[in-house]
PDB file of all heavy atoms in Angstrom:
ATOM      1  N   LYS A   1      27.390   1.658  94.602  1.00  0.00           N
ATOM      2  CA  LYS A   1      26.119   1.008  94.886  1.00  0.00           C
ATOM      3  C   LYS A   1      24.979   1.941  94.479  1.00  0.00           C
ATOM      4  O   LYS A   1      23.964   1.467  94.012  1.00  0.00           O
ATOM      5  CB  LYS A   1      26.027   0.600  96.343  1.00  0.00           C
ATOM      6  CG  LYS A   1      26.880  -0.580  96.742  1.00  0.00           C
ATOM      7  CD  LYS A   1      26.599  -1.054  98.180  1.00  0.00           C
ATOM      8  CE  LYS A   1      27.542  -2.240  98.382  1.00  0.00           C
ATOM      9  NZ  LYS A   1      27.282  -2.755  99.833  1.00  0.00           N
ATOM     10  N   ALA A   2      25.140   3.173  94.732  1.00  0.00           N
ATOM     11  CA  ALA A   2      24.104   4.217  94.301  1.00  0.00           C
ATOM     12  C   ALA A   2      23.873   4.286  92.807  1.00  0.00           C
ATOM     13  O   ALA A   2      22.792   4.506  92.274  1.00  0.00           O
ATOM     14  CB  ALA A   2      24.584   5.705  94.801  1.00  0.00           C
ATOM     15  N   LEU A   3      25.119   3.993  92.011  1.00  0.00           N
ATOM     16  CA  LEU A   3      24.999   4.087  90.622  1.00  0.00           C
ATOM     17  C   LEU A   3      24.182   2.724  90.094  1.00  0.00           C
ATOM     18  O   LEU A   3      23.385   2.836  89.259  1.00  0.00           O
ATOM     19  CB  LEU A   3      26.343   4.087  89.997  1.00  0.00           C
ATOM     20  CG  LEU A   3      26.529   4.095  88.560  1.00  0.00           C
ATOM     21  CD1 LEU A   3      25.840   5.390  88.022  1.00  0.00           C
ATOM     22  CD2 LEU A   3      27.883   4.125  87.982  1.00  0.00           C
ATOM     23  N   TRP A   4      24.464   1.632  90.858  1.00  0.00           N
ATOM     24  CA  TRP A   4      23.674   0.492  90.439  1.00  0.00           C
ATOM     25  C   TRP A   4      22.208   0.634  90.852  1.00  0.00           C
ATOM     26  O   TRP A   4      21.345   0.103  90.172  1.00  0.00           O
ATOM     27  CB  TRP A   4      24.313  -0.736  91.153  1.00  0.00           C
ATOM     28  CG  TRP A   4      25.481  -1.278  90.324  1.00  0.00           C
ATOM     29  CD1 TRP A   4      26.827  -1.325  90.745  1.00  0.00           C
ATOM     30  CD2 TRP A   4      25.451  -1.810  89.013  1.00  0.00           C
ATOM     31  NE1 TRP A   4      27.613  -1.839  89.778  1.00  0.00           N
ATOM     32  CE2 TRP A   4      26.788  -2.180  88.698  1.00  0.00           C
ATOM     33  CE3 TRP A   4      24.521  -2.073  88.092  1.00  0.00           C
ATOM     34  CZ2 TRP A   4      27.151  -2.716  87.456  1.00  0.00           C
ATOM     35  CZ3 TRP A   4      24.814  -2.621  86.800  1.00  0.00           C
ATOM     36  CH2 TRP A   4      26.064  -2.892  86.536  1.00  0.00           C
ATOM     37  N   PHE A   5      21.930   1.311  91.951  1.00  0.00           N
ATOM     38  CA  PHE A   5      20.569   1.524  92.459  1.00  0.00           C
ATOM     39  C   PHE A   5      19.860   2.288  91.358  1.00  0.00           C
ATOM     40  O   PHE A   5      18.666   2.042  91.095  1.00  0.00           O
ATOM     41  CB  PHE A   5      20.588   2.229  93.669  1.00  0.00           C
ATOM     42  CG  PHE A   5      19.195   2.541  94.284  1.00  0.00           C
ATOM     43  CD1 PHE A   5      18.380   1.487  94.690  1.00  0.00           C
ATOM     44  CD2 PHE A   5      18.776   3.859  94.305  1.00  0.00           C
ATOM     45  CE1 PHE A   5      17.080   1.838  95.222  1.00  0.00           C
ATOM     46  CE2 PHE A   5      17.443   4.201  94.695  1.00  0.00           C
ATOM     47  CZ  PHE A   5      16.622   3.134  95.180  1.00  0.00           C
ATOM     48  N   ALA A   6      20.566   3.296  90.775  1.00  0.00           N
ATOM     49  CA  ALA A   6      19.839   4.117  89.718  1.00  0.00           C
ATOM     50  C   ALA A   6      19.869   3.416  88.418  1.00  0.00           C
ATOM     51  O   ALA A   6      18.881   3.690  87.500  1.00  0.00           O
ATOM     52  CB  ALA A   6      20.672   5.420  89.507  1.00  0.00           C
ATOM     53  N   ARG A   7      20.712   2.567  88.111  1.00  0.00           N
ATOM     54  CA  ARG A   7      20.829   1.939  86.808  1.00  0.00           C
ATOM     55  C   ARG A   7      20.604   0.453  86.612  1.00  0.00           C
ATOM     56  O   ARG A   7      20.448  -0.038  85.520  1.00  0.00           O
ATOM     57  CB  ARG A   7      22.283   2.222  86.351  1.00  0.00           C
ATOM     58  CG  ARG A   7      22.796   3.563  86.141  1.00  0.00           C
ATOM     59  CD  ARG A   7      24.201   3.695  85.728  1.00  0.00           C
ATOM     60  NE  ARG A   7      24.414   3.081  84.425  1.00  0.00           N
ATOM     61  CZ  ARG A   7      25.724   2.873  83.902  1.00  0.00           C
ATOM     62  NH1 ARG A   7      26.776   3.079  84.707  1.00  0.00           N
ATOM     63  NH2 ARG A   7      25.919   2.353  82.688  1.00  0.00           N
ATOM     64  N   GLY A   8      20.459  -0.287  87.713  1.00  0.00           N
ATOM     65  CA  GLY A   8      20.247  -1.628  87.692  1.00  0.00           C
ATOM     66  C   GLY A   8      19.095  -2.044  86.782  1.00  0.00           C
ATOM     67  O   GLY A   8      18.002  -1.699  86.954  1.00  0.00           O
ATOM     68  N   ARG A   9      19.388  -2.987  85.799  1.00  0.00           N
ATOM     69  CA  ARG A   9      18.327  -3.329  84.808  1.00  0.00           C
ATOM     70  C   ARG A   9      17.893  -4.783  84.963  1.00  0.00           C
ATOM     71  O   ARG A   9      16.734  -5.179  84.462  1.00  0.00           O
ATOM     72  CB  ARG A   9      18.885  -3.121  83.388  1.00  0.00           C
ATOM     73  CG  ARG A   9      19.234  -1.653  83.087  1.00  0.00           C
ATOM     74  CD  ARG A   9      19.807  -1.474  81.619  1.00  0.00           C
ATOM     75  NE  ARG A   9      20.175  -0.165  81.450  1.00  0.00           N
ATOM     76  CZ  ARG A   9      20.703   0.249  80.276  1.00  0.00           C
ATOM     77  NH1 ARG A   9      20.965  -0.573  79.318  1.00  0.00           N
ATOM     78  NH2 ARG A   9      21.089   1.472  80.133  1.00  0.00           N
ATOM     79  N   TYR A  10      18.702  -5.644  85.433  1.00  0.00           N
ATOM     80  CA  TYR A  10      18.380  -7.146  85.344  1.00  0.00           C
ATOM     81  C   TYR A  10      16.999  -7.397  86.151  1.00  0.00           C
ATOM     82  O   TYR A  10      16.909  -7.068  87.287  1.00  0.00           O
ATOM     83  CB  TYR A  10      19.478  -7.936  85.998  1.00  0.00           C
ATOM     84  CG  TYR A  10      19.329  -9.419  85.945  1.00  0.00           C
ATOM     85  CD1 TYR A  10      19.823 -10.162  84.844  1.00  0.00           C
ATOM     86  CD2 TYR A  10      18.565 -10.104  86.965  1.00  0.00           C
ATOM     87  CE1 TYR A  10      19.470 -11.480  84.789  1.00  0.00           C
ATOM     88  CE2 TYR A  10      18.516 -11.430  86.851  1.00  0.00           C
ATOM     89  CZ  TYR A  10      18.906 -12.164  85.705  1.00  0.00           C
ATOM     90  OH  TYR A  10      18.749 -13.546  85.626  1.00  0.00           O
ATOM     91  N   GLY A  11      16.115  -7.986  85.415  1.00  0.00           N
ATOM     92  CA  GLY A  11      14.829  -8.163  86.019  1.00  0.00           C
ATOM     93  C   GLY A  11      13.880  -7.065  86.253  1.00  0.00           C
ATOM     94  O   GLY A  11      12.987  -7.154  86.972  1.00  0.00           O
ATOM     95  N   ALA A  12      14.344  -5.893  85.827  1.00  0.00           N
ATOM     96  CA  ALA A  12      13.538  -4.733  86.025  1.00  0.00           C
ATOM     97  C   ALA A  12      13.414  -3.978  84.644  1.00  0.00           C
ATOM     98  O   ALA A  12      14.074  -4.156  83.584  1.00  0.00           O
ATOM     99  CB  ALA A  12      14.302  -3.726  86.965  1.00  0.00           C
ATOM    100  N   ASP A  13      12.391  -3.131  84.551  1.00  0.00           N
ATOM    101  CA  ASP A  13      12.108  -2.418  83.252  1.00  0.00           C
ATOM    102  C   ASP A  13      12.682  -0.955  83.423  1.00  0.00           C
ATOM    103  O   ASP A  13      13.070  -0.544  84.560  1.00  0.00           O
ATOM    104  CB  ASP A  13      10.728  -2.341  82.926  1.00  0.00           C
ATOM    105  CG  ASP A  13       9.866  -1.905  84.056  1.00  0.00           C
ATOM    106  OD1 ASP A  13      10.192  -0.958  84.747  1.00  0.00           O
ATOM    107  OD2 ASP A  13       8.621  -2.257  84.124  1.00  0.00           O
ATOM    108  N   ASP A  14      12.581  -0.172  82.361  1.00  0.00           N
ATOM    109  CA  ASP A  14      13.103   1.168  82.383  1.00  0.00           C
ATOM    110  C   ASP A  14      12.295   2.020  83.377  1.00  0.00           C
ATOM    111  O   ASP A  14      12.899   2.966  83.981  1.00  0.00           O
ATOM    112  CB  ASP A  14      12.960   1.902  81.019  1.00  0.00           C
ATOM    113  CG  ASP A  14      14.083   1.397  80.113  1.00  0.00           C
ATOM    114  OD1 ASP A  14      15.123   0.787  80.563  1.00  0.00           O
ATOM    115  OD2 ASP A  14      13.912   1.410  78.868  1.00  0.00           O
ATOM    116  N   PHE A  15      11.071   1.781  83.606  1.00  0.00           N
ATOM    117  CA  PHE A  15      10.309   2.632  84.371  1.00  0.00           C
ATOM    118  C   PHE A  15      10.589   2.420  85.883  1.00  0.00           C
ATOM    119  O   PHE A  15      10.527   3.363  86.641  1.00  0.00           O
ATOM    120  CB  PHE A  15       8.796   2.259  84.120  1.00  0.00           C
ATOM    121  CG  PHE A  15       8.505   2.311  82.640  1.00  0.00           C
ATOM    122  CD1 PHE A  15       8.122   1.196  82.038  1.00  0.00           C
ATOM    123  CD2 PHE A  15       8.643   3.494  81.874  1.00  0.00           C
ATOM    124  CE1 PHE A  15       7.898   1.179  80.602  1.00  0.00           C
ATOM    125  CE2 PHE A  15       8.315   3.595  80.607  1.00  0.00           C
ATOM    126  CZ  PHE A  15       7.950   2.391  79.996  1.00  0.00           C
ATOM    127  N   GLN A  16      10.901   1.280  86.290  1.00  0.00           N
ATOM    128  CA  GLN A  16      11.415   0.970  87.649  1.00  0.00           C
ATOM    129  C   GLN A  16      12.706   1.748  87.801  1.00  0.00           C
ATOM    130  O   GLN A  16      13.032   2.404  88.902  1.00  0.00           O
ATOM    131  CB  GLN A  16      11.652  -0.495  87.901  1.00  0.00           C
ATOM    132  CG  GLN A  16      10.232  -1.206  87.953  1.00  0.00           C
ATOM    133  CD  GLN A  16      10.471  -2.770  88.040  1.00  0.00           C
ATOM    134  OE1 GLN A  16      11.004  -3.314  87.065  1.00  0.00           O
ATOM    135  NE2 GLN A  16      10.042  -3.341  89.098  1.00  0.00           N
ATOM    136  N   ARG A  17      13.584   1.735  86.890  1.00  0.00           N
ATOM    137  CA  ARG A  17      14.826   2.437  86.912  1.00  0.00           C
ATOM    138  C   ARG A  17      14.603   4.047  87.104  1.00  0.00           C
ATOM    139  O   ARG A  17      15.243   4.625  87.863  1.00  0.00           O
ATOM    140  CB  ARG A  17      15.732   2.184  85.734  1.00  0.00           C
ATOM    141  CG  ARG A  17      16.184   0.773  85.498  1.00  0.00           C
ATOM    142  CD  ARG A  17      16.941   0.599  84.281  1.00  0.00           C
ATOM    143  NE  ARG A  17      18.086   1.536  84.061  1.00  0.00           N
ATOM    144  CZ  ARG A  17      18.189   2.353  83.109  1.00  0.00           C
ATOM    145  NH1 ARG A  17      17.204   2.518  82.329  1.00  0.00           N
ATOM    146  NH2 ARG A  17      19.277   3.160  83.087  1.00  0.00           N
ATOM    147  N   MET A  18      13.676   4.521  86.320  1.00  0.00           N
ATOM    148  CA  MET A  18      13.293   5.919  86.432  1.00  0.00           C
ATOM    149  C   MET A  18      12.755   6.273  87.788  1.00  0.00           C
ATOM    150  O   MET A  18      13.059   7.340  88.417  1.00  0.00           O
ATOM    151  CB  MET A  18      12.147   6.193  85.388  1.00  0.00           C
ATOM    152  CG  MET A  18      12.773   6.184  83.960  1.00  0.00           C
ATOM    153  SD  MET A  18      11.312   6.222  82.712  1.00  0.00           S
ATOM    154  CE  MET A  18      10.558   7.721  83.000  1.00  0.00           C
ATOM    155  N   ASP A  19      12.082   5.367  88.434  1.00  0.00           N
ATOM    156  CA  ASP A  19      11.623   5.613  89.766  1.00  0.00           C
ATOM    157  C   ASP A  19      12.807   5.707  90.715  1.00  0.00           C
ATOM    158  O   ASP A  19      12.780   6.624  91.596  1.00  0.00           O
ATOM    159  CB  ASP A  19      10.624   4.423  90.214  1.00  0.00           C
ATOM    160  CG  ASP A  19       9.304   4.511  89.615  1.00  0.00           C
ATOM    161  OD1 ASP A  19       8.796   5.568  89.255  1.00  0.00           O
ATOM    162  OD2 ASP A  19       8.632   3.480  89.422  1.00  0.00           O
ATOM    163  N   ARG A  20      13.678   4.794  90.575  1.00  0.00           N
ATOM    164  CA  ARG A  20      14.780   4.753  91.449  1.00  0.00           C
ATOM    165  C   ARG A  20      15.695   6.091  91.208  1.00  0.00           C
ATOM    166  O   ARG A  20      16.304   6.635  92.090  1.00  0.00           O
ATOM    167  CB  ARG A  20      15.626   3.534  91.221  1.00  0.00           C
ATOM    168  CG  ARG A  20      14.886   2.210  91.694  1.00  0.00           C
ATOM    169  CD  ARG A  20      15.841   1.054  91.827  1.00  0.00           C
ATOM    170  NE  ARG A  20      16.640   0.826  90.711  1.00  0.00           N
ATOM    171  CZ  ARG A  20      16.334  -0.076  89.660  1.00  0.00           C
ATOM    172  NH1 ARG A  20      15.160  -0.791  89.742  1.00  0.00           N
ATOM    173  NH2 ARG A  20      17.260  -0.305  88.664  1.00  0.00           N
ATOM    174  N   GLN A  21      15.769   6.368  90.007  1.00  0.00           N
ATOM    175  CA  GLN A  21      16.634   7.589  89.615  1.00  0.00           C
ATOM    176  C   GLN A  21      16.100   8.932  90.322  1.00  0.00           C
ATOM    177  O   GLN A  21      16.890   9.655  90.779  1.00  0.00           O
ATOM    178  CB  GLN A  21      16.755   7.779  88.179  1.00  0.00           C
ATOM    179  CG  GLN A  21      17.683   6.772  87.442  1.00  0.00           C
ATOM    180  CD  GLN A  21      17.488   6.745  85.909  1.00  0.00           C
ATOM    181  OE1 GLN A  21      16.699   7.478  85.398  1.00  0.00           O
ATOM    182  NE2 GLN A  21      18.209   5.798  85.294  1.00  0.00           N
ATOM    183  N   ARG A  22      14.750   9.113  90.296  1.00  0.00           N
ATOM    184  CA  ARG A  22      14.258  10.267  90.962  1.00  0.00           C
ATOM    185  C   ARG A  22      14.468  10.201  92.424  1.00  0.00           C
ATOM    186  O   ARG A  22      14.525  11.227  93.132  1.00  0.00           O
ATOM    187  CB  ARG A  22      12.808  10.446  90.596  1.00  0.00           C
ATOM    188  CG  ARG A  22      11.914   9.475  91.029  1.00  0.00           C
ATOM    189  CD  ARG A  22      10.458   9.767  90.829  1.00  0.00           C
ATOM    190  NE  ARG A  22       9.501   8.710  91.120  1.00  0.00           N
ATOM    191  CZ  ARG A  22       8.211   8.830  91.021  1.00  0.00           C
ATOM    192  NH1 ARG A  22       7.603   9.981  90.938  1.00  0.00           N
ATOM    193  NH2 ARG A  22       7.522   7.744  91.316  1.00  0.00           N
ATOM    194  N   CYS A  23      14.483   8.977  93.009  1.00  0.00           N
ATOM    195  CA  CYS A  23      14.738   8.882  94.493  1.00  0.00           C
ATOM    196  C   CYS A  23      16.186   9.219  94.828  1.00  0.00           C
ATOM    197  O   CYS A  23      16.549   9.844  95.819  1.00  0.00           O
ATOM    198  CB  CYS A  23      14.391   7.404  94.992  1.00  0.00           C
ATOM    199  SG  CYS A  23      12.738   6.993  94.986  1.00  0.00           S
ATOM    200  N   VAL A  24      17.100   8.931  93.807  1.00  0.00           N
ATOM    201  CA  VAL A  24      18.582   9.257  93.928  1.00  0.00           C
ATOM    202  C   VAL A  24      18.672  10.781  93.899  1.00  0.00           C
ATOM    203  O   VAL A  24      19.358  11.432  94.788  1.00  0.00           O
ATOM    204  CB  VAL A  24      19.375   8.608  92.923  1.00  0.00           C
ATOM    205  CG1 VAL A  24      20.837   9.266  92.980  1.00  0.00           C
ATOM    206  CG2 VAL A  24      19.376   7.202  93.137  1.00  0.00           C
ATOM    207  N   VAL A  25      18.002  11.413  92.907  1.00  0.00           N
ATOM    208  CA  VAL A  25      17.938  12.844  92.811  1.00  0.00           C
ATOM    209  C   VAL A  25      17.503  13.505  94.175  1.00  0.00           C
ATOM    210  O   VAL A  25      18.035  14.446  94.700  1.00  0.00           O
ATOM    211  CB  VAL A  25      17.147  13.317  91.625  1.00  0.00           C
ATOM    212  CG1 VAL A  25      17.034  14.890  91.572  1.00  0.00           C
ATOM    213  CG2 VAL A  25      17.772  12.817  90.327  1.00  0.00           C
ATOM    214  N   ASP A  26      16.343  13.037  94.655  1.00  0.00           N
ATOM    215  CA  ASP A  26      15.664  13.563  95.860  1.00  0.00           C
ATOM    216  C   ASP A  26      16.679  13.316  97.007  1.00  0.00           C
ATOM    217  O   ASP A  26      16.788  14.245  97.844  1.00  0.00           O
ATOM    218  CB  ASP A  26      14.370  12.925  96.253  1.00  0.00           C
ATOM    219  CG  ASP A  26      13.716  13.463  97.370  1.00  0.00           C
ATOM    220  OD1 ASP A  26      13.288  14.634  97.367  1.00  0.00           O
ATOM    221  OD2 ASP A  26      13.473  12.712  98.377  1.00  0.00           O
ATOM    222  N   ALA A  27      17.362  12.138  97.112  1.00  0.00           N
ATOM    223  CA  ALA A  27      18.329  12.001  98.321  1.00  0.00           C
ATOM    224  C   ALA A  27      19.401  12.986  98.200  1.00  0.00           C
ATOM    225  O   ALA A  27      19.910  13.419  99.294  1.00  0.00           O
ATOM    226  CB  ALA A  27      18.780  10.529  98.207  1.00  0.00           C
ATOM    227  N   ILE A  28      19.990  13.233  97.031  1.00  0.00           N
ATOM    228  CA  ILE A  28      21.032  14.162  96.851  1.00  0.00           C
ATOM    229  C   ILE A  28      20.554  15.623  97.401  1.00  0.00           C
ATOM    230  O   ILE A  28      21.331  16.287  98.121  1.00  0.00           O
ATOM    231  CB  ILE A  28      21.536  14.357  95.401  1.00  0.00           C
ATOM    232  CG1 ILE A  28      22.236  13.004  95.107  1.00  0.00           C
ATOM    233  CG2 ILE A  28      22.570  15.448  95.294  1.00  0.00           C
ATOM    234  CD1 ILE A  28      22.614  12.757  93.617  1.00  0.00           C
ATOM    235  N   ILE A  29      19.354  16.001  96.900  1.00  0.00           N
ATOM    236  CA  ILE A  29      18.921  17.248  97.316  1.00  0.00           C
ATOM    237  C   ILE A  29      18.711  17.340  98.836  1.00  0.00           C
ATOM    238  O   ILE A  29      19.024  18.391  99.419  1.00  0.00           O
ATOM    239  CB  ILE A  29      17.516  17.563  96.712  1.00  0.00           C
ATOM    240  CG1 ILE A  29      17.599  17.657  95.119  1.00  0.00           C
ATOM    241  CG2 ILE A  29      16.881  18.830  97.279  1.00  0.00           C
ATOM    242  CD1 ILE A  29      16.329  17.743  94.442  1.00  0.00           C
ATOM    243  N   GLN A  30      18.205  16.341  99.475  1.00  0.00           N
ATOM    244  CA  GLN A  30      17.966  16.426 100.925  1.00  0.00           C
ATOM    245  C   GLN A  30      19.216  16.259 101.718  1.00  0.00           C
ATOM    246  O   GLN A  30      19.348  16.787 102.722  1.00  0.00           O
ATOM    247  CB  GLN A  30      17.010  15.305 101.249  1.00  0.00           C
ATOM    248  CG  GLN A  30      15.618  15.322 100.694  1.00  0.00           C
ATOM    249  CD  GLN A  30      14.871  16.651 100.989  1.00  0.00           C
ATOM    250  OE1 GLN A  30      15.012  17.091 102.051  1.00  0.00           O
ATOM    251  NE2 GLN A  30      14.242  17.184 100.032  1.00  0.00           N
ATOM    252  N   GLN A  31      20.242  15.589 101.179  1.00  0.00           N
ATOM    253  CA  GLN A  31      21.422  15.260 102.022  1.00  0.00           C
ATOM    254  C   GLN A  31      22.604  16.162 101.700  1.00  0.00           C
ATOM    255  O   GLN A  31      23.589  16.180 102.477  1.00  0.00           O
ATOM    256  CB  GLN A  31      21.898  13.788 101.865  1.00  0.00           C
ATOM    257  CG  GLN A  31      20.816  12.794 102.293  1.00  0.00           C
ATOM    258  CD  GLN A  31      21.063  11.446 101.935  1.00  0.00           C
ATOM    259  OE1 GLN A  31      22.156  10.860 102.083  1.00  0.00           O
ATOM    260  NE2 GLN A  31      19.974  10.743 101.527  1.00  0.00           N
ATOM    261  N   ALA A  32      22.459  16.962 100.648  1.00  0.00           N
ATOM    262  CA  ALA A  32      23.616  17.831 100.272  1.00  0.00           C
ATOM    263  C   ALA A  32      23.405  19.164 101.141  1.00  0.00           C
ATOM    264  O   ALA A  32      23.253  20.234 100.580  1.00  0.00           O
ATOM    265  CB  ALA A  32      23.656  18.212  98.711  1.00  0.00           C
ATOM    266  N   ASN A  33      23.455  19.030 102.519  1.00  0.00           N
ATOM    267  CA  ASN A  33      23.404  20.222 103.294  1.00  0.00           C
ATOM    268  C   ASN A  33      24.628  20.893 103.475  1.00  0.00           C
ATOM    269  O   ASN A  33      25.767  20.427 103.172  1.00  0.00           O
ATOM    270  CB  ASN A  33      22.815  19.769 104.738  1.00  0.00           C
ATOM    271  CG  ASN A  33      23.714  18.687 105.354  1.00  0.00           C
ATOM    272  OD1 ASN A  33      24.800  19.048 105.779  1.00  0.00           O
ATOM    273  ND2 ASN A  33      23.280  17.473 105.375  1.00  0.00           N
ATOM    274  N   PRO A  34      24.577  22.220 103.953  1.00  0.00           N
ATOM    275  CA  PRO A  34      25.760  22.953 104.033  1.00  0.00           C
ATOM    276  C   PRO A  34      26.966  22.358 104.842  1.00  0.00           C
ATOM    277  O   PRO A  34      28.130  22.415 104.327  1.00  0.00           O
ATOM    278  CB  PRO A  34      25.341  24.364 104.621  1.00  0.00           C
ATOM    279  CG  PRO A  34      23.917  24.413 104.269  1.00  0.00           C
ATOM    280  CD  PRO A  34      23.350  22.967 104.253  1.00  0.00           C
ATOM    281  N   ALA A  35      26.634  21.679 105.940  1.00  0.00           N
ATOM    282  CA  ALA A  35      27.701  21.088 106.784  1.00  0.00           C
ATOM    283  C   ALA A  35      28.357  20.005 106.001  1.00  0.00           C
ATOM    284  O   ALA A  35      29.457  19.804 106.064  1.00  0.00           O
ATOM    285  CB  ALA A  35      27.081  20.621 108.067  1.00  0.00           C
ATOM    286  N   ASN A  36      27.563  19.112 105.341  1.00  0.00           N
ATOM    287  CA  ASN A  36      28.085  17.985 104.692  1.00  0.00           C
ATOM    288  C   ASN A  36      28.931  18.467 103.438  1.00  0.00           C
ATOM    289  O   ASN A  36      29.962  17.932 103.194  1.00  0.00           O
ATOM    290  CB  ASN A  36      26.961  17.138 104.173  1.00  0.00           C
ATOM    291  CG  ASN A  36      27.311  15.806 103.569  1.00  0.00           C
ATOM    292  OD1 ASN A  36      28.403  15.367 103.972  1.00  0.00           O
ATOM    293  ND2 ASN A  36      26.612  15.208 102.665  1.00  0.00           N
ATOM    294  N   VAL A  37      28.385  19.462 102.750  1.00  0.00           N
ATOM    295  CA  VAL A  37      29.195  19.977 101.628  1.00  0.00           C
ATOM    296  C   VAL A  37      30.541  20.658 102.065  1.00  0.00           C
ATOM    297  O   VAL A  37      31.539  20.346 101.426  1.00  0.00           O
ATOM    298  CB  VAL A  37      28.343  21.007 100.823  1.00  0.00           C
ATOM    299  CG1 VAL A  37      29.109  21.574  99.844  1.00  0.00           C
ATOM    300  CG2 VAL A  37      27.153  20.217 100.144  1.00  0.00           C
ATOM    301  N   LEU A  38      30.530  21.491 103.147  1.00  0.00           N
ATOM    302  CA  LEU A  38      31.750  22.124 103.645  1.00  0.00           C
ATOM    303  C   LEU A  38      32.812  21.046 104.036  1.00  0.00           C
ATOM    304  O   LEU A  38      34.014  21.282 103.682  1.00  0.00           O
ATOM    305  CB  LEU A  38      31.309  23.091 104.703  1.00  0.00           C
ATOM    306  CG  LEU A  38      30.561  24.380 104.327  1.00  0.00           C
ATOM    307  CD1 LEU A  38      30.253  25.151 105.537  1.00  0.00           C
ATOM    308  CD2 LEU A  38      31.573  25.222 103.424  1.00  0.00           C
ATOM    309  N   THR A  39      32.398  20.056 104.709  1.00  0.00           N
ATOM    310  CA  THR A  39      33.349  19.045 105.212  1.00  0.00           C
ATOM    311  C   THR A  39      33.911  18.274 104.063  1.00  0.00           C
ATOM    312  O   THR A  39      35.026  17.764 104.273  1.00  0.00           O
ATOM    313  CB  THR A  39      32.763  18.131 106.268  1.00  0.00           C
ATOM    314  OG1 THR A  39      31.574  17.626 105.774  1.00  0.00           O
ATOM    315  CG2 THR A  39      32.373  18.926 107.493  1.00  0.00           C
ATOM    316  N   ARG A  40      33.335  18.132 102.943  1.00  0.00           N
ATOM    317  CA  ARG A  40      33.839  17.343 101.882  1.00  0.00           C
ATOM    318  C   ARG A  40      33.984  18.178 100.545  1.00  0.00           C
ATOM    319  O   ARG A  40      33.900  17.564  99.488  1.00  0.00           O
ATOM    320  CB  ARG A  40      32.852  16.114 101.606  1.00  0.00           C
ATOM    321  CG  ARG A  40      32.601  15.352 102.831  1.00  0.00           C
ATOM    322  CD  ARG A  40      31.503  14.326 102.512  1.00  0.00           C
ATOM    323  NE  ARG A  40      31.235  13.538 103.753  1.00  0.00           N
ATOM    324  CZ  ARG A  40      31.752  12.329 104.035  1.00  0.00           C
ATOM    325  NH1 ARG A  40      32.754  11.933 103.271  1.00  0.00           N
ATOM    326  NH2 ARG A  40      31.539  11.663 105.191  1.00  0.00           N
TER     327      ARG A  40
END
């Protein structure tokens, strides 16, 4: 679902996809904390 959130095109333009992609990048930065990374 995260991949579709970043890539979904139907009814959307490239710029909306770019907006979503940077939100995915930001979510990874914020959520890849040491505890989460160590356990997985």
